[in-house]
C-alpha atoms as a PDB file:
ATOM      1  CA  MET A   1      11.062 113.239  50.077  1.00  0.00           C
ATOM      2  CA  TRP A   2       9.082 113.466  53.307  1.00  0.00           C
ATOM      3  CA  LEU A   3       7.405 110.121  52.580  1.00  0.00           C
ATOM      4  CA  LEU A   4      10.744 108.471  51.859  1.00  0.00           C
ATOM      5  CA  ALA A   5      12.240 109.859  55.061  1.00  0.00           C
ATOM      6  CA  SER A   6       9.272 108.606  57.054  1.00  0.00           C
ATOM      7  CA  LEU A   7       9.642 105.143  55.597  1.00  0.00           C
ATOM      8  CA  LEU A   8      13.334 105.140  56.456  1.00  0.00           C
ATOM      9  CA  CYS A   9      12.591 106.143  60.051  1.00  0.00           C
ATOM     10  CA  LEU A  10       9.920 103.500  60.726  1.00  0.00           C
ATOM     11  CA  THR A  11      10.622  99.856  61.504  1.00  0.00           C
ATOM     12  CA  PRO A  12       8.132  97.137  62.518  1.00  0.00           C
ATOM     13  CA  LEU A  13       9.463  97.183  66.078  1.00  0.00           C
ATOM     14  CA  GLN A  14       9.483 100.987  66.327  1.00  0.00           C
ATOM     15  CA  ALA A  15       6.210 102.014  64.709  1.00  0.00           C
ATOM     16  CA  HIS A  16       5.540 104.384  67.627  1.00  0.00           C
ATOM     17  CA  ILE A  17       8.642 106.495  66.950  1.00  0.00           C
ATOM     18  CA  ASP A  18       8.132 110.080  65.726  1.00  0.00           C
ATOM     19  CA  CYS A  19      10.321 110.813  62.702  1.00  0.00           C
ATOM     20  CA  MET A  20      11.429 114.170  61.274  1.00  0.00           C
ATOM     21  CA  TYR A  21      13.327 114.860  58.059  1.00  0.00           C
ATOM     22  CA  VAL A  22      15.990 117.541  58.511  1.00  0.00           C
ATOM     23  CA  VAL A  23      18.574 119.034  56.183  1.00  0.00           C
ATOM     24  CA  GLY A  24      21.920 120.560  57.032  1.00  0.00           C
ATOM     25  CA  ILE A  25      24.577 122.441  55.041  1.00  0.00           C
ATOM     26  CA  MET A  26      28.194 121.432  54.884  1.00  0.00           C
ATOM     27  CA  GLY A  27      30.366 123.445  57.251  1.00  0.00           C
ATOM     28  CA  GLU A  28      27.566 124.778  59.464  1.00  0.00           C
ATOM     29  CA  ASN A  29      26.848 124.022  63.116  1.00  0.00           C
ATOM     30  CA  PHE A  30      23.704 121.951  63.025  1.00  0.00           C
ATOM     31  CA  THR A  31      21.336 121.465  65.990  1.00  0.00           C
ATOM     32  CA  PHE A  32      18.590 118.871  65.903  1.00  0.00           C
ATOM     33  CA  PRO A  33      15.218 120.540  66.562  1.00  0.00           C
ATOM     34  CA  VAL A  34      14.324 118.863  69.844  1.00  0.00           C
ATOM     35  CA  GLN A  35      11.348 120.324  71.702  1.00  0.00           C
ATOM     36  CA  ILE A  36      10.587 118.589  74.985  1.00  0.00           C
ATOM     37  CA  ASP A  37       8.529 120.440  77.603  1.00  0.00           C
ATOM     38  CA  GLN A  38       9.307 118.131  80.510  1.00  0.00           C
ATOM     39  CA  LYS A  39      12.455 117.222  82.361  1.00  0.00           C
ATOM     40  CA  ILE A  40      14.238 114.267  80.832  1.00  0.00           C
ATOM     41  CA  VAL A  41      16.667 111.761  82.304  1.00  0.00           C
ATOM     42  CA  GLU A  42      19.607 109.995  80.692  1.00  0.00           C
ATOM     43  CA  PRO A  43      19.289 111.135  77.053  1.00  0.00           C
ATOM     44  CA  VAL A  44      21.038 108.878  74.556  1.00  0.00           C
ATOM     45  CA  TRP A  45      21.742 109.679  70.888  1.00  0.00           C
ATOM     46  CA  LYS A  46      22.353 106.976  68.307  1.00  0.00           C
ATOM     47  CA  LYS A  47      23.357 107.186  64.670  1.00  0.00           C
ATOM     48  CA  ASN A  48      22.401 104.172  62.623  1.00  0.00           C
ATOM     49  CA  LYS A  49      21.933 102.262  65.940  1.00  0.00           C
ATOM     50  CA  ASP A  50      25.429 103.187  67.234  1.00  0.00           C
ATOM     51  CA  ILE A  51      25.637 105.390  70.324  1.00  0.00           C
ATOM     52  CA  VAL A  52      27.317 108.727  69.528  1.00  0.00           C
ATOM     53  CA  ALA A  53      26.443 110.685  72.721  1.00  0.00           C
ATOM     54  CA  GLU A  54      24.873 109.932  76.096  1.00  0.00           C
ATOM     55  CA  TRP A  55      24.330 111.629  79.430  1.00  0.00           C
ATOM     56  CA  GLU A  56      24.061 109.255  82.362  1.00  0.00           C
ATOM     57  CA  GLU A  57      22.575 110.640  85.562  1.00  0.00           C
ATOM     58  CA  GLN A  58      25.068 112.409  87.880  1.00  0.00           C
ATOM     59  CA  ASN A  59      27.760 112.258  85.187  1.00  0.00           C
ATOM     60  CA  LYS A  60      28.927 114.492  82.376  1.00  0.00           C
ATOM     61  CA  PRO A  61      28.043 113.779  78.740  1.00  0.00           C
ATOM     62  CA  THR A  62      30.088 111.138  76.953  1.00  0.00           C
ATOM     63  CA  TYR A  63      30.794 111.288  73.214  1.00  0.00           C
ATOM     64  CA  PHE A  64      31.813 108.596  70.762  1.00  0.00           C
ATOM     65  CA  ASP A  65      33.096 108.502  67.195  1.00  0.00           C
ATOM     66  CA  PRO A  66      32.336 109.977  64.735  1.00  0.00           C
ATOM     67  CA  LEU A  67      31.024 112.879  66.891  1.00  0.00           C
ATOM     68  CA  ARG A  68      33.774 112.873  69.510  1.00  0.00           C
ATOM     69  CA  ASN A  69      35.123 116.435  69.903  1.00  0.00           C
ATOM     70  CA  ARG A  70      32.596 117.613  67.287  1.00  0.00           C
ATOM     71  CA  SER A  71      29.328 117.752  69.213  1.00  0.00           C
ATOM     72  CA  VAL A  72      27.654 118.903  72.416  1.00  0.00           C
ATOM     73  CA  LEU A  73      24.678 117.352  74.245  1.00  0.00           C
ATOM     74  CA  MET A  74      22.443 119.620  76.346  1.00  0.00           C
ATOM     75  CA  GLU A  75      20.321 118.756  79.385  1.00  0.00           C
ATOM     76  CA  ASN A  76      17.114 119.182  77.385  1.00  0.00           C
ATOM     77  CA  GLY A  77      18.280 116.435  75.010  1.00  0.00           C
ATOM     78  CA  SER A  78      19.270 118.629  72.019  1.00  0.00           C
ATOM     79  CA  LEU A  79      22.392 117.634  70.109  1.00  0.00           C
ATOM     80  CA  THR A  80      24.585 120.027  68.078  1.00  0.00           C
ATOM     81  CA  ILE A  81      27.114 118.853  65.500  1.00  0.00           C
ATOM     82  CA  PHE A  82      29.912 121.299  64.684  1.00  0.00           C
ATOM     83  CA  ASN A  83      31.285 121.758  61.147  1.00  0.00           C
ATOM     84  CA  LEU A  84      28.804 119.444  59.511  1.00  0.00           C
ATOM     85  CA  GLU A  85      30.207 116.925  57.005  1.00  0.00           C
ATOM     86  CA  LYS A  86      28.716 114.826  54.256  1.00  0.00           C
ATOM     87  CA  ASP A  87      29.383 111.676  56.266  1.00  0.00           C
ATOM     88  CA  ASP A  88      27.192 113.004  59.087  1.00  0.00           C
ATOM     89  CA  ALA A  89      24.110 112.210  57.034  1.00  0.00           C
ATOM     90  CA  GLY A  90      22.040 109.301  58.348  1.00  0.00           C
ATOM     91  CA  THR A  91      19.318 108.270  60.784  1.00  0.00           C
ATOM     92  CA  TYR A  92      19.603 109.635  64.321  1.00  0.00           C
ATOM     93  CA  MET A  93      17.509 108.563  67.285  1.00  0.00           C
ATOM     94  CA  LEU A  94      17.085 110.259  70.647  1.00  0.00           C
ATOM     95  CA  GLN A  95      16.031 108.025  73.532  1.00  0.00           C
ATOM     96  CA  TYR A  96      15.179 109.496  76.926  1.00  0.00           C
ATOM     97  CA  TRP A  97      13.377 108.660  80.175  1.00  0.00           C
ATOM     98  CA  ASP A  98      10.787 110.942  81.781  1.00  0.00           C
ATOM     99  CA  SER A  99      10.552 109.033  85.106  1.00  0.00           C
ATOM    100  CA  VAL A 100       7.546 107.134  83.727  1.00  0.00           C
ATOM    101  CA  LYS A 101       8.583 105.526  80.463  1.00  0.00           C
ATOM    102  CA  ASP A 102      11.044 105.690  77.586  1.00  0.00           C
ATOM    103  CA  HIS A 103      10.480 108.023  74.675  1.00  0.00           C
ATOM    104  CA  TYR A 104      11.986 108.023  71.186  1.00  0.00           C
ATOM    105  CA  LEU A 105      12.546 110.723  68.577  1.00  0.00           C
ATOM    106  CA  ASP A 106      13.924 109.888  65.155  1.00  0.00           C
ATOM    107  CA  PHE A 107      15.582 112.237  62.652  1.00  0.00           C
ATOM    108  CA  GLN A 108      16.642 111.624  59.099  1.00  0.00           C
ATOM    109  CA  LEU A 109      19.539 114.004  58.435  1.00  0.00           C
ATOM    110  CA  ASP A 110      20.563 114.924  54.899  1.00  0.00           C
ATOM    111  CA  VAL A 111      23.662 117.059  54.266  1.00  0.00           C
ATOM    112  CA  LEU A 112      23.760 119.316  51.187  1.00  0.00           C
ATOM    113  CA  ASP A 113      26.567 121.292  49.604  1.00  0.00           C
ATOM    114  CA  SER A 114      26.899 124.876  50.725  1.00  0.00           C
ATOM    115  CA  PHE A 115      25.348 127.657  48.646  1.00  0.00           C
ATOM    116  CA  PRO A 116      26.911 130.909  47.406  1.00  0.00           C
ATOM    117  CA  GLU A 117      25.969 134.503  48.121  1.00  0.00           C
ATOM    118  CA  PRO A 118      22.846 135.690  46.284  1.00  0.00           C
ATOM    119  CA  ASN A 119      22.821 137.821  43.132  1.00  0.00           C
ATOM    120  CA  ILE A 120      20.851 141.078  43.052  1.00  0.00           C
ATOM    121  CA  ASN A 121      19.304 142.456  39.863  1.00  0.00           C
ATOM    122  CA  CYS A 122      17.526 145.804  39.606  1.00  0.00           C
ATOM    123  CA  SER A 123      15.342 147.539  37.052  1.00  0.00           C
ATOM    124  CA  THR A 124      12.822 150.388  36.856  1.00  0.00           C
ATOM    125  CA  SER A 125       9.167 150.098  35.915  1.00  0.00           C
ATOM    126  CA  ASP A 126       6.958 153.198  35.767  1.00  0.00           C
ATOM    127  CA  ASP A 127       7.729 155.043  38.993  1.00  0.00           C
ATOM    128  CA  GLU A 128       9.126 152.055  40.884  1.00  0.00           C
ATOM    129  CA  LEU A 129      12.497 150.446  41.404  1.00  0.00           C
ATOM    130  CA  VAL A 130      12.265 146.633  41.258  1.00  0.00           C
ATOM    131  CA  LEU A 131      14.866 144.470  43.031  1.00  0.00           C
ATOM    132  CA  ASN A 132      15.184 140.734  42.468  1.00  0.00           C
ATOM    133  CA  CYS A 133      17.320 138.305  44.468  1.00  0.00           C
ATOM    134  CA  THR A 134      18.414 134.936  43.068  1.00  0.00           C
ATOM    135  CA  ALA A 135      20.631 132.060  44.185  1.00  0.00           C
ATOM    136  CA  HIS A 136      21.376 128.692  42.620  1.00  0.00           C
ATOM    137  CA  PHE A 137      20.732 125.974  45.178  1.00  0.00           C
ATOM    138  CA  GLN A 138      19.121 122.563  45.201  1.00  0.00           C
ATOM    139  CA  GLY A 139      17.051 123.306  48.280  1.00  0.00           C
ATOM    140  CA  SER A 140      14.213 125.734  48.941  1.00  0.00           C
ATOM    141  CA  LEU A 141      15.614 129.039  50.176  1.00  0.00           C
ATOM    142  CA  SER A 142      13.906 131.718  52.241  1.00  0.00           C
ATOM    143  CA  TYR A 143      14.409 135.323  51.109  1.00  0.00           C
ATOM    144  CA  ALA A 144      14.370 138.619  53.008  1.00  0.00           C
ATOM    145  CA  TRP A 145      15.176 142.238  52.159  1.00  0.00           C
ATOM    146  CA  LYS A 146      16.485 144.958  54.414  1.00  0.00           C
ATOM    147  CA  LEU A 147      16.811 148.643  53.503  1.00  0.00           C
ATOM    148  CA  SER A 148      19.351 150.896  55.203  1.00  0.00           C
ATOM    149  CA  ASN A 149      16.708 153.582  55.818  1.00  0.00           C
ATOM    150  CA  LYS A 150      13.997 151.219  57.106  1.00  0.00           C
ATOM    151  CA  PRO A 151      13.969 149.336  60.441  1.00  0.00           C
ATOM    152  CA  HIS A 152      11.911 146.348  59.318  1.00  0.00           C
ATOM    153  CA  SER A 153      12.554 143.599  56.752  1.00  0.00           C
ATOM    154  CA  TYR A 154      10.534 142.341  53.781  1.00  0.00           C
ATOM    155  CA  GLN A 155      10.020 138.578  53.386  1.00  0.00           C
ATOM    156  CA  ASN A 156      10.012 138.211  49.623  1.00  0.00           C
ATOM    157  CA  GLN A 157      12.331 137.365  46.748  1.00  0.00           C
ATOM    158  CA  GLU A 158      11.309 140.505  44.842  1.00  0.00           C
ATOM    159  CA  LEU A 159      10.998 144.011  46.252  1.00  0.00           C
ATOM    160  CA  SER A 160       9.441 147.125  44.667  1.00  0.00           C
ATOM    161  CA  ILE A 161      10.307 150.625  45.933  1.00  0.00           C
ATOM    162  CA  PRO A 162       8.774 153.940  44.743  1.00  0.00           C
ATOM    163  CA  LEU A 163      11.477 156.030  43.066  1.00  0.00           C
ATOM    164  CA  LYS A 164      10.614 159.047  45.203  1.00  0.00           C
ATOM    165  CA  HIS A 165      11.578 157.047  48.290  1.00  0.00           C
ATOM    166  CA  VAL A 166      15.020 156.111  46.967  1.00  0.00           C
ATOM    167  CA  GLY A 167      17.731 158.212  48.592  1.00  0.00           C
ATOM    168  CA  THR A 168      21.235 158.841  47.286  1.00  0.00           C
ATOM    169  CA  THR A 169      22.756 156.753  50.081  1.00  0.00           C
ATOM    170  CA  THR A 170      20.088 154.056  50.422  1.00  0.00           C
ATOM    171  CA  LYS A 171      21.371 150.481  50.327  1.00  0.00           C
ATOM    172  CA  ALA A 172      19.446 147.221  50.037  1.00  0.00           C
ATOM    173  CA  THR A 173      20.536 143.858  51.411  1.00  0.00           C
ATOM    174  CA  CYS A 174      19.188 140.500  50.268  1.00  0.00           C
ATOM    175  CA  ILE A 175      19.414 137.697  52.835  1.00  0.00           C
ATOM    176  CA  ILE A 176      18.893 134.059  51.911  1.00  0.00           C
ATOM    177  CA  LYS A 177      18.628 131.267  54.441  1.00  0.00           C
ATOM    178  CA  PHE A 178      18.530 127.507  54.400  1.00  0.00           C
ATOM    179  CA  SER A 179      18.603 125.302  57.458  1.00  0.00           C
ATOM    180  CA  GLN A 180      20.742 127.250  59.928  1.00  0.00           C
ATOM    181  CA  THR A 181      22.962 129.018  57.369  1.00  0.00           C
ATOM    182  CA  GLU A 182      22.561 132.538  55.975  1.00  0.00           C
ATOM    183  CA  ARG A 183      24.172 134.337  53.055  1.00  0.00           C
ATOM    184  CA  SER A 184      23.691 137.978  52.038  1.00  0.00           C
ATOM    185  CA  SER A 185      24.547 140.528  49.330  1.00  0.00           C
ATOM    186  CA  GLU A 186      24.245 144.330  49.298  1.00  0.00           C
ATOM    187  CA  ILE A 187      23.633 146.910  46.578  1.00  0.00           C
ATOM    188  CA  SER A 188      23.585 150.723  46.499  1.00  0.00           C
ATOM    189  CA  LEU A 189      20.267 151.796  44.978  1.00  0.00           C
ATOM    190  CA  ILE A 190      21.682 154.881  43.271  1.00  0.00           C
ATOM    191  CA  GLN A 191      23.307 152.657  40.638  1.00  0.00           C
ATOM    192  CA  CYS A 192      19.861 151.280  39.751  1.00  0.00           C
ATOM    193  CA  LEU A 193      18.241 154.664  39.077  1.00  0.00           C
ATOM    194  CA  PRO A 194      17.508 156.007  35.552  1.00  0.00           C
ATOM    195  CA  GLU A 195      20.381 158.024  34.087  1.00  0.00           C
ATOM    196  CA  GLU A 196      18.698 161.435  34.477  1.00  0.00           C
ATOM    197  CA  LYS A 197      17.601 160.875  38.063  1.00  0.00           C
ATOM    198  CA  GLY A 198      20.866 159.178  38.875  1.00  0.00           C
ATOM    199  CA  ASP A 199      22.864 162.129  37.530  1.00  0.00           C
ATOM    200  CA  ARG A 200      20.694 164.563  39.470  1.00  0.00           C
ATOM    201  CA  ASN A 201      21.121 162.614  42.663  1.00  0.00           C
ATOM    202  CA  ARG A 202      24.820 162.225  42.067  1.00  0.00           C
ATOM    203  CA  GLY A 203      25.071 165.989  41.545  1.00  0.00           C
ATOM    204  CA  ALA A 204      23.230 166.594  44.793  1.00  0.00           C
ATOM    205  CA  LEU A 205      25.518 164.167  46.569  1.00  0.00           C
ATOM    206  CA  ILE A 206      28.655 165.808  45.119  1.00  0.00           C
ATOM    207  CA  GLY A 207      27.264 169.245  46.044  1.00  0.00           C
ATOM    208  CA  ALA A 208      26.746 168.090  49.607  1.00  0.00           C
ATOM    209  CA  PHE A 209      30.330 166.814  49.770  1.00  0.00           C
ATOM    210  CA  VAL A 210      31.704 170.080  48.337  1.00  0.00           C
ATOM    211  CA  LEU A 211      29.657 172.153  50.778  1.00  0.00           C
ATOM    212  CA  THR A 212      30.907 170.073  53.668  1.00  0.00           C
ATOM    213  CA  ALA A 213      34.498 170.492  52.478  1.00  0.00           C
ATOM    214  CA  VAL A 214      34.091 174.284  52.163  1.00  0.00           C
ATOM    215  CA  ILE A 215      32.667 174.507  55.683  1.00  0.00           C
ATOM    216  CA  LEU A 216      35.553 172.465  57.072  1.00  0.00           C
ATOM    217  CA  VAL A 217      38.128 174.618  55.268  1.00  0.00           C
ATOM    218  CA  GLY A 218      36.432 177.777  56.565  1.00  0.00           C
ATOM    219  CA  ILE A 219      36.572 176.454  60.117  1.00  0.00           C
ATOM    220  CA  LEU A 220      40.267 175.600  59.743  1.00  0.00           C
ATOM    221  CA  VAL A 221      41.088 179.052  58.349  1.00  0.00           C
ATOM    222  CA  PHE A 222      39.184 180.719  61.188  1.00  0.00           C
ATOM    223  CA  LEU A 223      41.038 178.671  63.794  1.00  0.00           C
ATOM    224  CA  CYS A 224      44.410 179.421  62.171  1.00  0.00           C
ATOM    225  CA  ARG A 225      43.744 183.164  62.060  1.00  0.00           C
ATOM    226  CA  LYS A 226      42.503 183.109  65.612  1.00  0.00           C
ATOM    227  CA  GLY A 227      45.702 181.380  66.688  1.00  0.00           C
ATOM    228  CA  GLU A 228      47.869 183.922  64.842  1.00  0.00           C
ATOM    229  CA  HIS A 229      45.938 186.809  66.405  1.00  0.00           C
ATOM    230  CA  GLU A 230      46.447 185.361  69.871  1.00  0.00           C
ATOM    231  CA  LYS A 231      50.192 184.996  69.191  1.00  0.00           C
ATOM    232  CA  LEU A 232      50.453 188.639  67.983  1.00  0.00           C
ATOM    233  CA  SER A 233      48.534 189.912  71.013  1.00  0.00           C
ATOM    234  CA  SER A 234      50.819 187.949  73.307  1.00  0.00           C
ATOM    235  CA  GLY A 235      53.949 189.312  71.536  1.00  0.00           C
ATOM    236  CA  ASN A 236      52.726 192.943  71.769  1.00  0.00           C
ATOM    237  CA  SER A 237      51.997 192.580  75.454  1.00  0.00           C
ATOM    238  CA  GLN A 238      55.583 191.383  75.985  1.00  0.00           C
ATOM    239  CA  GLN A 239      57.165 194.106  73.813  1.00  0.00           C
ATOM    240  CA  GLN A 240      55.270 197.050  75.389  1.00  0.00           C
ATOM    241  CA  PRO A 241      57.301 197.143  78.661  1.00  0.00           C
ATOM    242  CA  ASN A 242      60.505 197.003  76.601  1.00  0.00           C
ATOM    243  CA  SER A 243      59.325 199.904  74.439  1.00  0.00           C
ATOM    244  CA  GLU A 244      58.488 201.991  77.458  1.00  0.00           C
ATOM    245  CA  GLY A 245      61.898 201.220  78.955  1.00  0.00           C
ATOM    246  CA  ALA A 246      63.572 202.192  75.726  1.00  0.00           C
ATOM    247  CA  ALA A 247      61.671 205.464  75.586  1.00  0.00           C
ATOM    248  CA  PHE A 248      62.562 206.223  79.183  1.00  0.00           C
ATOM    249  CA  SER A 249      66.219 205.441  78.517  1.00  0.00           C
ATOM    250  CA  HIS A 250      66.192 207.677  75.463  1.00  0.00           C
ATOM    251  CA  ALA A 251      64.681 210.520  77.492  1.00  0.00           C
ATOM    252  CA  LEU A 252      67.394 210.171  80.115  1.00  0.00           C
ATOM    253  CA  HIS A 253      70.007 210.156  77.400  1.00  0.00           C
ATOM    254  CA  ASP A 254      68.592 213.374  75.993  1.00  0.00           C
ATOM    255  CA  GLU A 255      68.593 214.949  79.418  1.00  0.00           C
ATOM    256  CA  ASP A 256      72.210 213.965  79.838  1.00  0.00           C
ATOM    257  CA  GLU A 257      73.092 215.520  76.491  1.00  0.00           C
ATOM    258  CA  GLU A 258      71.346 218.820  77.130  1.00  0.00           C
ATOM    259  CA  PRO A 259      73.847 219.995  79.871  1.00  0.00           C
ATOM    260  CA  LYS A 260      76.701 219.284  77.449  1.00  0.00           C
ATOM    261  CA  GLU A 261      75.196 221.620  74.846  1.00  0.00           C
ATOM    262  CA  ASP A 262      74.526 224.256  77.491  1.00  0.00           C
ATOM    263  CA  THR A 263      78.129 223.945  78.680  1.00  0.00           C
ATOM    264  CA  ALA A 264      79.416 224.529  75.166  1.00  0.00           C
ATOM    265  CA  LEU A 265      77.270 227.623  74.784  1.00  0.00           C
ATOM    266  CA  ASN A 266      78.413 228.930  78.145  1.00  0.00           C
ATOM    267  CA  GLU A 267      82.035 228.420  77.140  1.00  0.00           C
ATOM    268  CA  ASP A 268      81.480 230.377  73.928  1.00  0.00           C
ATOM    269  CA  ASP A 269      79.858 233.194  75.894  1.00  0.00           C
ATOM    270  CA  SER A 270      82.799 233.279  78.290  1.00  0.00           C
ATOM    271  CA  VAL A 271      85.284 233.588  75.444  1.00  0.00           C
ATOM    272  CA  LEU A 272      83.283 236.397  73.887  1.00  0.00           C
ATOM    273  CA  LYS A 273      83.077 238.184  77.218  1.00  0.00           C
ATOM    274  CA  ASP A 274      86.841 237.804  77.734  1.00  0.00           C
ATOM    275  CA  LYS A 275      87.501 239.218  74.290  1.00  0.00           C
ATOM    276  CA  GLN A 276      85.175 242.154  75.001  1.00  0.00           C
ATOM    277  CA  ILE A 277      86.950 242.879  78.302  1.00  0.00           C
ATOM    278  CA  VAL A 278      90.352 242.914  76.582  1.00  0.00           C
ATOM    279  CA  LYS A 279      89.012 245.143  73.878  1.00  0.00           C
ATOM    280  CA  ASN A 280      87.562 247.537  76.386  1.00  0.00           C
ATOM    281  CA  ALA A 281      90.799 247.610  78.291  1.00  0.00           C
ATOM    282  CA  VAL A 282      92.744 248.396  75.165  1.00  0.00           C
ATOM    283  CA  ASN A 283      90.347 251.156  74.327  1.00  0.00           C
ATOM    284  CA  GLN A 284      90.701 252.617  77.797  1.00  0.00           C
ATOM    285  CA  GLU A 285      94.463 252.477  77.577  1.00  0.00           C
ATOM    286  CA  GLY A 286      94.303 254.271  74.270  1.00  0.00           C
ATOM    287  CA  ASN A 287      92.160 257.005  75.685  1.00  0.00           C
ATOM    288  CA  HIS A 288      94.432 257.567  78.697  1.00  0.00           C
ATOM    289  CA  ALA A 289      97.751 257.533  76.787  1.00  0.00           C
ATOM    290  CA  PRO A 290      97.616 261.193  75.577  1.00  0.00           C
ATOM    291  CA  LYS A 291      96.730 262.347  79.046  1.00  0.00           C
ATOM    292  CA  ARG A 292      99.690 260.507  80.468  1.00  0.00           C
ATOM    293  CA  LEU A 293     101.950 262.035  77.841  1.00  0.00           C
ATOM    294  CA  CYS A 294     100.593 265.418  78.734  1.00  0.00           C
ATOM    295  CA  ASP A 295     101.263 264.835  82.345  1.00  0.00           C
ATOM    296  CA  LEU A 296     104.831 263.842  81.573  1.00  0.00           C
ATOM    297  CA  SER A 297     105.433 266.955  79.512  1.00  0.00           C
ATOM    298  CA  LEU A 298     104.419 269.175  82.325  1.00  0.00           C
END
């Protein structure tokens, strides 16, 4: 493939041109890998000998079909094509001036169909958990693994993890990359564990959830009871003055009633005294009556 691309790039009149084979994926934003360490002047991009973008000195970049409104040219000469299409495949040439002479860079661009998300398979071997990442694609993919409990990544299609290092919440992500496009898939490692260890870990996880729920319920109950206690304390503090007023009013009422009872008793005593006086008077009259009769007889 590289040899074929090189042959396509070279012509008898342009044997000095550097040529690079590059591959893009449909739908991605593709940037040609231009690396120029010096300042360039008036970069011009051609596709199959037709100008598609140019930047004349003191002016803004100008774009032509088929890259009009689909590309951007930078001052360093790099060209980016947005939403790459199959028809964008072809031979591209960058021509630029470095204030001394013209330079040329050639690229053979091939556009491939997009690729799907990777598939993750897991199995256990001895005391290790083995993860394998696969994807069906016509190109050569790069693979990388990332674990949720580890800061660094692992550049490999297969990953082995000691079972003792597998946590109940650990997740693994497989990342595949081709050209400038990435795809990824994720898996929870607990579903890959042996049944016994998986059940034990699941039990621990459920226990942790239950404990957390109990703690939360306890906190809520405490707060509710605290609120009710504060309400009762506030109500008692408001009712106490009223109770004291009621007691004071009742005492006054009793004091008012006591003279009435005393008055009744006094009235009864007066009646008894009056009766006794009348009785005494009658008795005295009875005692003096014979004497008076005697006096009259004389």
